[in-house]
Amino acid sequence: MQLHEVRPTHRKKRKKRVGRGGVHGTFSGRGSKGQKSRSGHMMKPAIREVIKRYPKLRGYRFKSAVNQRGVLNVEILDKKFKDSEIVSPDTLIRKRIIRRIKGRMPLVKILGGGKITKPLIVEKCLLSKTAKEKIEKAGGKIIS
């Protein structure tokens, strides 16, 4: 036996054509009334309820750029800056530690992760309590 001689052992099942008189008259095996008996019936998608629950104002993926911040730890400042150097959003962008968000200068928040040994001058940055304590303990200054 070769590949061109291979044939199925069963017959093909013919598609049932209903609604043309004969055995399946009037309702064509769909029952009488209701959504499933109509032509072109569309069952309600399960996802519709989920879509309806999304907030309608400003689209569902809207996040304002105001809330986005550049966040970094004290440890990074210790590695990238020298003694008594000024730390501000401008200097952080120049040293490529943070990036602009949609072309704007981001708010910078410094967190207290890691150790700091150098006295640094911090300007125009938000600080966590632990970061503030660590910078002042190392002999640094915080200018608001």
N, C-alpha and C. Protein backbone atom coordinates (compact mmCIF):
# COMPACT_ATOMS: atom_id res chain seq x y z
N MET A 1 0.84 -1.19 0.00
CA MET A 1 0.00 0.00 0.00
C MET A 1 0.88 1.25 0.00
N GLN A 2 0.49 2.19 -0.82
CA GLN A 2 1.23 3.44 -0.90
C GLN A 2 0.34 4.60 -0.47
N LEU A 3 0.98 5.75 -0.31
CA LEU A 3 0.28 6.91 0.25
C LEU A 3 -0.94 7.33 -0.57
N HIS A 4 -0.84 7.23 -1.91
CA HIS A 4 -1.97 7.65 -2.74
C HIS A 4 -3.12 6.64 -2.71
N GLU A 5 -2.89 5.46 -2.15
CA GLU A 5 -3.93 4.44 -2.06
C GLU A 5 -4.70 4.44 -0.74
N VAL A 6 -4.23 5.25 0.21
CA VAL A 6 -4.86 5.29 1.53
C VAL A 6 -6.21 5.99 1.45
N ARG A 7 -7.26 5.32 1.99
CA ARG A 7 -8.61 5.90 1.98
C ARG A 7 -9.24 5.68 3.34
N PRO A 8 -10.14 6.60 3.78
CA PRO A 8 -10.82 6.36 5.05
C PRO A 8 -11.76 5.15 4.96
N THR A 9 -11.94 4.45 6.09
CA THR A 9 -12.81 3.27 6.10
C THR A 9 -14.28 3.64 6.35
N HIS A 10 -14.53 4.85 6.76
CA HIS A 10 -15.90 5.27 7.06
C HIS A 10 -16.37 6.31 6.04
N ARG A 11 -17.67 6.44 5.94
CA ARG A 11 -18.23 7.44 5.01
C ARG A 11 -18.22 8.82 5.65
N LYS A 12 -18.19 9.86 4.82
CA LYS A 12 -18.27 11.23 5.32
C LYS A 12 -19.69 11.50 5.78
N LYS A 13 -19.82 12.20 6.91
CA LYS A 13 -21.14 12.53 7.43
C LYS A 13 -21.64 13.75 6.68
N ARG A 14 -22.85 13.65 6.12
CA ARG A 14 -23.40 14.78 5.39
C ARG A 14 -23.94 15.83 6.34
N LYS A 15 -23.81 17.10 5.95
CA LYS A 15 -24.31 18.21 6.76
C LYS A 15 -25.84 18.21 6.70
N LYS A 16 -26.47 18.37 7.86
CA LYS A 16 -27.93 18.37 7.93
C LYS A 16 -28.45 19.72 7.45
N ARG A 17 -29.27 19.69 6.40
CA ARG A 17 -29.86 20.93 5.88
C ARG A 17 -31.30 20.98 6.37
N VAL A 18 -31.53 21.84 7.35
CA VAL A 18 -32.87 21.90 7.96
C VAL A 18 -33.64 23.11 7.48
N GLY A 19 -34.96 23.08 7.68
CA GLY A 19 -35.79 24.23 7.32
C GLY A 19 -36.19 24.25 5.88
N ARG A 20 -36.19 23.09 5.19
CA ARG A 20 -36.57 23.05 3.78
C ARG A 20 -37.66 22.00 3.53
N GLY A 21 -38.60 21.92 4.46
CA GLY A 21 -39.67 20.93 4.31
C GLY A 21 -39.19 19.55 4.74
N GLY A 22 -40.13 18.61 4.83
CA GLY A 22 -39.75 17.25 5.18
C GLY A 22 -39.78 17.02 6.67
N VAL A 23 -38.85 16.25 7.18
CA VAL A 23 -38.85 15.79 8.57
C VAL A 23 -38.74 16.95 9.56
N HIS A 24 -37.80 17.82 9.34
CA HIS A 24 -37.60 18.94 10.28
C HIS A 24 -38.34 20.18 9.78
N GLY A 25 -39.63 20.14 9.78
CA GLY A 25 -40.41 21.28 9.30
C GLY A 25 -40.48 22.40 10.33
N THR A 26 -41.34 23.35 10.09
CA THR A 26 -41.64 24.54 10.91
C THR A 26 -40.47 25.10 11.71
N PHE A 27 -40.07 24.48 12.83
CA PHE A 27 -39.04 25.09 13.70
C PHE A 27 -37.62 24.58 13.41
N SER A 28 -37.49 23.64 12.50
CA SER A 28 -36.19 23.14 12.06
C SER A 28 -35.31 22.62 13.19
N GLY A 29 -35.88 21.98 14.16
CA GLY A 29 -35.10 21.38 15.24
C GLY A 29 -34.52 22.36 16.23
N ARG A 30 -35.00 23.62 16.18
CA ARG A 30 -34.48 24.64 17.10
C ARG A 30 -35.42 24.88 18.27
N GLY A 31 -36.51 24.16 18.36
CA GLY A 31 -37.50 24.46 19.39
C GLY A 31 -38.38 25.61 18.94
N SER A 32 -39.30 26.06 19.79
CA SER A 32 -40.17 27.15 19.34
C SER A 32 -39.54 28.51 19.53
N LYS A 33 -39.82 29.23 20.58
CA LYS A 33 -39.36 30.62 20.65
C LYS A 33 -38.01 30.76 21.36
N GLY A 34 -37.56 31.98 21.49
CA GLY A 34 -36.37 32.26 22.30
C GLY A 34 -35.16 32.65 21.48
N GLN A 35 -34.12 33.05 22.18
CA GLN A 35 -32.92 33.58 21.54
C GLN A 35 -32.24 32.56 20.63
N LYS A 36 -32.23 31.31 21.03
CA LYS A 36 -31.53 30.29 20.26
C LYS A 36 -32.29 29.89 19.00
N SER A 37 -33.57 30.20 18.92
CA SER A 37 -34.36 29.81 17.75
C SER A 37 -34.28 30.84 16.62
N ARG A 38 -33.78 32.02 16.91
CA ARG A 38 -33.75 33.09 15.89
C ARG A 38 -32.59 32.88 14.92
N SER A 39 -32.73 33.47 13.74
CA SER A 39 -31.62 33.39 12.79
C SER A 39 -30.56 34.41 13.19
N GLY A 40 -29.32 34.02 13.01
CA GLY A 40 -28.22 34.91 13.38
C GLY A 40 -28.18 35.22 14.86
N HIS A 41 -28.61 34.25 15.69
CA HIS A 41 -28.66 34.52 17.13
C HIS A 41 -27.25 34.69 17.69
N MET A 42 -27.10 35.62 18.61
CA MET A 42 -25.80 35.86 19.25
C MET A 42 -26.00 35.70 20.75
N MET A 43 -25.29 34.77 21.32
CA MET A 43 -25.37 34.60 22.77
C MET A 43 -24.58 35.72 23.42
N LYS A 44 -25.01 36.13 24.59
CA LYS A 44 -24.36 37.23 25.30
C LYS A 44 -22.94 36.82 25.70
N PRO A 45 -21.91 37.60 25.31
CA PRO A 45 -20.56 37.21 25.69
C PRO A 45 -20.33 37.36 27.19
N ALA A 46 -19.56 36.46 27.75
CA ALA A 46 -19.30 36.47 29.20
C ALA A 46 -18.49 37.68 29.61
N ILE A 47 -17.75 38.25 28.66
CA ILE A 47 -16.85 39.37 28.99
C ILE A 47 -17.60 40.71 29.08
N ARG A 48 -18.83 40.75 28.57
CA ARG A 48 -19.56 42.02 28.53
C ARG A 48 -19.72 42.63 29.93
N GLU A 49 -20.05 41.80 30.91
CA GLU A 49 -20.22 42.30 32.27
C GLU A 49 -18.92 42.91 32.79
N VAL A 50 -17.82 42.29 32.43
CA VAL A 50 -16.50 42.78 32.87
C VAL A 50 -16.21 44.13 32.24
N ILE A 51 -16.50 44.26 30.94
CA ILE A 51 -16.26 45.52 30.23
C ILE A 51 -17.12 46.63 30.82
N LYS A 52 -18.35 46.33 31.15
CA LYS A 52 -19.27 47.34 31.69
C LYS A 52 -18.80 47.89 33.04
N ARG A 53 -18.02 47.09 33.78
CA ARG A 53 -17.60 47.53 35.11
C ARG A 53 -16.44 48.53 35.07
N TYR A 54 -15.74 48.66 33.94
CA TYR A 54 -14.61 49.59 33.87
C TYR A 54 -15.10 51.03 33.98
N PRO A 55 -14.31 51.90 34.60
CA PRO A 55 -14.73 53.29 34.74
C PRO A 55 -14.85 53.97 33.37
N LYS A 56 -15.83 54.83 33.25
CA LYS A 56 -16.10 55.44 31.95
C LYS A 56 -15.37 56.76 31.73
N LEU A 57 -14.86 57.37 32.78
CA LEU A 57 -14.19 58.65 32.62
C LEU A 57 -12.75 58.48 32.14
N ARG A 58 -12.37 59.26 31.16
CA ARG A 58 -11.00 59.38 30.67
C ARG A 58 -10.37 58.08 30.16
N GLY A 59 -11.14 57.09 29.89
CA GLY A 59 -10.57 55.83 29.42
C GLY A 59 -10.00 55.04 30.57
N TYR A 60 -9.86 53.75 30.38
CA TYR A 60 -9.55 52.94 31.54
C TYR A 60 -8.06 52.85 31.85
N ARG A 61 -7.19 53.23 30.92
CA ARG A 61 -5.75 53.15 31.18
C ARG A 61 -5.13 54.51 31.52
N PHE A 62 -5.95 55.50 31.82
CA PHE A 62 -5.43 56.84 32.05
C PHE A 62 -4.68 56.95 33.37
N LYS A 63 -3.45 57.40 33.29
CA LYS A 63 -2.68 57.72 34.50
C LYS A 63 -2.02 59.07 34.23
N SER A 64 -2.16 60.00 35.15
CA SER A 64 -1.58 61.31 34.90
C SER A 64 -0.07 61.26 35.14
N ALA A 65 0.68 62.04 34.38
CA ALA A 65 2.13 62.07 34.48
C ALA A 65 2.57 62.75 35.78
N VAL A 66 1.66 63.49 36.42
CA VAL A 66 1.99 64.19 37.67
C VAL A 66 2.32 63.19 38.77
N ASN A 67 1.61 62.06 38.79
CA ASN A 67 1.82 61.07 39.84
C ASN A 67 3.08 60.24 39.67
N GLN A 68 3.67 60.27 38.49
CA GLN A 68 4.84 59.43 38.24
C GLN A 68 6.08 60.08 38.83
N ARG A 69 6.87 59.28 39.53
CA ARG A 69 8.06 59.79 40.20
C ARG A 69 9.27 58.97 39.85
N GLY A 70 10.43 59.62 39.91
CA GLY A 70 11.69 58.91 39.82
C GLY A 70 12.06 58.48 41.23
N VAL A 71 12.16 57.19 41.47
CA VAL A 71 12.44 56.68 42.81
C VAL A 71 13.81 56.02 42.82
N LEU A 72 14.61 56.35 43.83
CA LEU A 72 15.92 55.73 43.96
C LEU A 72 16.32 55.62 45.43
N ASN A 73 17.29 54.76 45.71
CA ASN A 73 17.76 54.54 47.07
C ASN A 73 19.01 55.35 47.37
N VAL A 74 19.28 55.52 48.66
CA VAL A 74 20.45 56.26 49.15
C VAL A 74 21.74 55.58 48.67
N GLU A 75 21.71 54.28 48.55
CA GLU A 75 22.87 53.50 48.13
C GLU A 75 23.39 53.94 46.75
N ILE A 76 22.48 54.25 45.84
CA ILE A 76 22.85 54.69 44.49
C ILE A 76 23.56 56.03 44.55
N LEU A 77 23.07 56.94 45.41
CA LEU A 77 23.71 58.25 45.56
C LEU A 77 25.15 58.08 46.06
N ASP A 78 25.35 57.14 46.97
CA ASP A 78 26.68 56.89 47.52
C ASP A 78 27.65 56.40 46.44
N LYS A 79 27.16 55.61 45.51
CA LYS A 79 28.01 55.08 44.44
C LYS A 79 28.31 56.12 43.36
N LYS A 80 27.32 56.90 42.99
CA LYS A 80 27.43 57.77 41.81
C LYS A 80 27.93 59.19 42.09
N PHE A 81 27.86 59.65 43.36
CA PHE A 81 28.25 61.03 43.67
C PHE A 81 29.51 61.07 44.53
N LYS A 82 30.23 62.20 44.42
CA LYS A 82 31.43 62.42 45.23
C LYS A 82 31.05 63.23 46.48
N ASP A 83 32.03 63.43 47.39
CA ASP A 83 31.80 64.18 48.63
C ASP A 83 31.29 65.59 48.36
N SER A 84 30.35 66.03 49.17
CA SER A 84 29.72 67.36 49.14
C SER A 84 29.26 67.81 47.74
N GLU A 85 28.81 66.88 46.95
CA GLU A 85 28.25 67.19 45.64
C GLU A 85 26.74 67.42 45.77
N ILE A 86 26.18 68.24 44.89
CA ILE A 86 24.75 68.56 44.96
C ILE A 86 23.95 67.48 44.23
N VAL A 87 22.91 66.98 44.92
CA VAL A 87 21.99 66.00 44.34
C VAL A 87 20.66 66.70 44.09
N SER A 88 20.30 66.82 42.81
CA SER A 88 19.02 67.42 42.42
C SER A 88 18.50 66.67 41.20
N PRO A 89 17.25 66.88 40.82
CA PRO A 89 16.74 66.20 39.62
C PRO A 89 17.60 66.45 38.38
N ASP A 90 18.14 67.69 38.25
CA ASP A 90 19.00 68.01 37.10
C ASP A 90 20.26 67.15 37.07
N THR A 91 20.93 67.08 38.22
CA THR A 91 22.18 66.30 38.27
C THR A 91 21.90 64.80 38.10
N LEU A 92 20.76 64.33 38.60
CA LEU A 92 20.41 62.92 38.45
C LEU A 92 20.14 62.57 36.98
N ILE A 93 19.53 63.49 36.24
CA ILE A 93 19.28 63.27 34.82
C ILE A 93 20.60 63.32 34.05
N ARG A 94 21.49 64.27 34.41
CA ARG A 94 22.79 64.37 33.75
C ARG A 94 23.62 63.10 33.93
N LYS A 95 23.53 62.52 35.10
CA LYS A 95 24.29 61.29 35.38
C LYS A 95 23.53 60.03 34.95
N ARG A 96 22.37 60.20 34.32
CA ARG A 96 21.54 59.13 33.78
C ARG A 96 21.09 58.12 34.84
N ILE A 97 20.79 58.63 36.01
CA ILE A 97 20.26 57.78 37.08
C ILE A 97 18.73 57.70 36.94
N ILE A 98 18.10 58.83 36.56
CA ILE A 98 16.67 58.84 36.26
C ILE A 98 16.47 59.41 34.86
N ARG A 99 15.25 59.29 34.34
CA ARG A 99 14.93 59.82 33.01
C ARG A 99 13.78 60.80 33.10
N ARG A 100 13.64 61.60 32.08
CA ARG A 100 12.48 62.50 31.98
C ARG A 100 11.25 61.65 31.69
N ILE A 101 10.10 62.06 32.22
CA ILE A 101 8.85 61.35 31.96
C ILE A 101 8.01 62.21 31.03
N LYS A 102 7.81 61.72 29.83
CA LYS A 102 7.10 62.44 28.77
C LYS A 102 7.67 63.83 28.56
N GLY A 103 9.00 63.92 28.56
CA GLY A 103 9.70 65.18 28.31
C GLY A 103 9.74 66.14 29.48
N ARG A 104 9.17 65.76 30.61
CA ARG A 104 9.13 66.65 31.78
C ARG A 104 10.08 66.17 32.86
N MET A 105 10.49 67.11 33.68
CA MET A 105 11.33 66.79 34.82
C MET A 105 10.47 66.07 35.87
N PRO A 106 10.86 64.86 36.26
CA PRO A 106 10.02 64.12 37.21
C PRO A 106 10.25 64.57 38.65
N LEU A 107 9.27 64.29 39.50
CA LEU A 107 9.48 64.45 40.94
C LEU A 107 10.40 63.31 41.37
N VAL A 108 11.36 63.61 42.20
CA VAL A 108 12.32 62.58 42.62
C VAL A 108 12.10 62.29 44.09
N LYS A 109 11.98 61.00 44.41
CA LYS A 109 11.89 60.60 45.81
C LYS A 109 13.06 59.69 46.13
N ILE A 110 13.75 60.03 47.22
CA ILE A 110 14.90 59.24 47.66
C ILE A 110 14.46 58.40 48.85
N LEU A 111 14.69 57.09 48.73
CA LEU A 111 14.33 56.16 49.79
C LEU A 111 15.58 55.73 50.56
N GLY A 112 15.39 55.16 51.73
CA GLY A 112 16.51 54.86 52.63
C GLY A 112 17.12 53.49 52.48
N GLY A 113 17.11 52.90 51.30
CA GLY A 113 17.70 51.58 51.11
C GLY A 113 19.21 51.64 50.98
N GLY A 114 19.93 50.85 51.74
CA GLY A 114 21.38 50.80 51.66
C GLY A 114 22.06 51.75 52.62
N LYS A 115 23.39 51.91 52.45
CA LYS A 115 24.19 52.77 53.34
C LYS A 115 24.71 53.97 52.56
N ILE A 116 24.98 55.04 53.31
CA ILE A 116 25.60 56.23 52.71
C ILE A 116 26.72 56.70 53.63
N THR A 117 27.85 57.00 53.03
CA THR A 117 29.03 57.42 53.82
C THR A 117 29.48 58.83 53.48
N LYS A 118 29.07 59.35 52.33
CA LYS A 118 29.52 60.66 51.87
C LYS A 118 28.54 61.76 52.27
N PRO A 119 29.07 62.93 52.64
CA PRO A 119 28.17 64.07 52.92
C PRO A 119 27.70 64.70 51.60
N LEU A 120 26.42 64.61 51.31
CA LEU A 120 25.86 65.16 50.07
C LEU A 120 24.86 66.27 50.38
N ILE A 121 24.68 67.17 49.41
CA ILE A 121 23.69 68.25 49.52
C ILE A 121 22.51 67.87 48.62
N VAL A 122 21.34 67.68 49.22
CA VAL A 122 20.16 67.25 48.48
C VAL A 122 19.22 68.43 48.28
N GLU A 123 18.87 68.70 47.01
CA GLU A 123 17.98 69.82 46.67
C GLU A 123 16.79 69.32 45.86
N LYS A 124 15.63 69.93 46.08
CA LYS A 124 14.41 69.72 45.28
C LYS A 124 14.02 68.25 45.15
N CYS A 125 14.23 67.46 46.18
CA CYS A 125 13.87 66.05 46.16
C CYS A 125 13.00 65.72 47.37
N LEU A 126 12.08 64.79 47.18
CA LEU A 126 11.30 64.29 48.29
C LEU A 126 12.11 63.19 48.97
N LEU A 127 12.00 63.11 50.29
CA LEU A 127 12.79 62.13 51.03
C LEU A 127 11.91 61.33 51.98
N SER A 128 12.26 60.07 52.16
CA SER A 128 11.60 59.28 53.20
C SER A 128 12.29 59.59 54.52
N LYS A 129 11.68 59.21 55.63
CA LYS A 129 12.25 59.50 56.95
C LYS A 129 13.62 58.86 57.11
N THR A 130 13.73 57.60 56.73
CA THR A 130 15.00 56.89 56.88
C THR A 130 16.10 57.49 56.01
N ALA A 131 15.74 57.90 54.79
CA ALA A 131 16.71 58.53 53.90
C ALA A 131 17.20 59.84 54.48
N LYS A 132 16.29 60.63 55.03
CA LYS A 132 16.63 61.90 55.65
C LYS A 132 17.60 61.69 56.81
N GLU A 133 17.30 60.71 57.66
CA GLU A 133 18.16 60.41 58.81
C GLU A 133 19.56 59.98 58.36
N LYS A 134 19.63 59.12 57.36
CA LYS A 134 20.92 58.59 56.89
C LYS A 134 21.78 59.68 56.26
N ILE A 135 21.15 60.57 55.49
CA ILE A 135 21.91 61.67 54.85
C ILE A 135 22.45 62.63 55.90
N GLU A 136 21.62 62.98 56.87
CA GLU A 136 22.07 63.90 57.93
C GLU A 136 23.12 63.24 58.82
N LYS A 137 23.02 61.95 59.05
CA LYS A 137 24.00 61.22 59.86
C LYS A 137 25.36 61.19 59.19
N ALA A 138 25.36 61.11 57.83
CA ALA A 138 26.60 61.10 57.08
C ALA A 138 27.21 62.50 56.93
N GLY A 139 26.52 63.52 57.45
CA GLY A 139 27.04 64.89 57.40
C GLY A 139 26.51 65.68 56.22
N GLY A 140 25.47 65.21 55.58
CA GLY A 140 24.90 65.91 54.42
C GLY A 140 23.87 66.95 54.83
N LYS A 141 23.45 67.77 53.86
CA LYS A 141 22.45 68.80 54.08
C LYS A 141 21.25 68.56 53.18
N ILE A 142 20.08 69.00 53.66
CA ILE A 142 18.86 68.87 52.86
C ILE A 142 18.28 70.26 52.67
N ILE A 143 18.21 70.69 51.41
CA ILE A 143 17.64 71.99 51.06
C ILE A 143 16.33 71.76 50.33
N SER A 144 15.24 72.30 50.84
CA SER A 144 13.93 72.06 50.23
C SER A 144 13.71 72.91 49.01
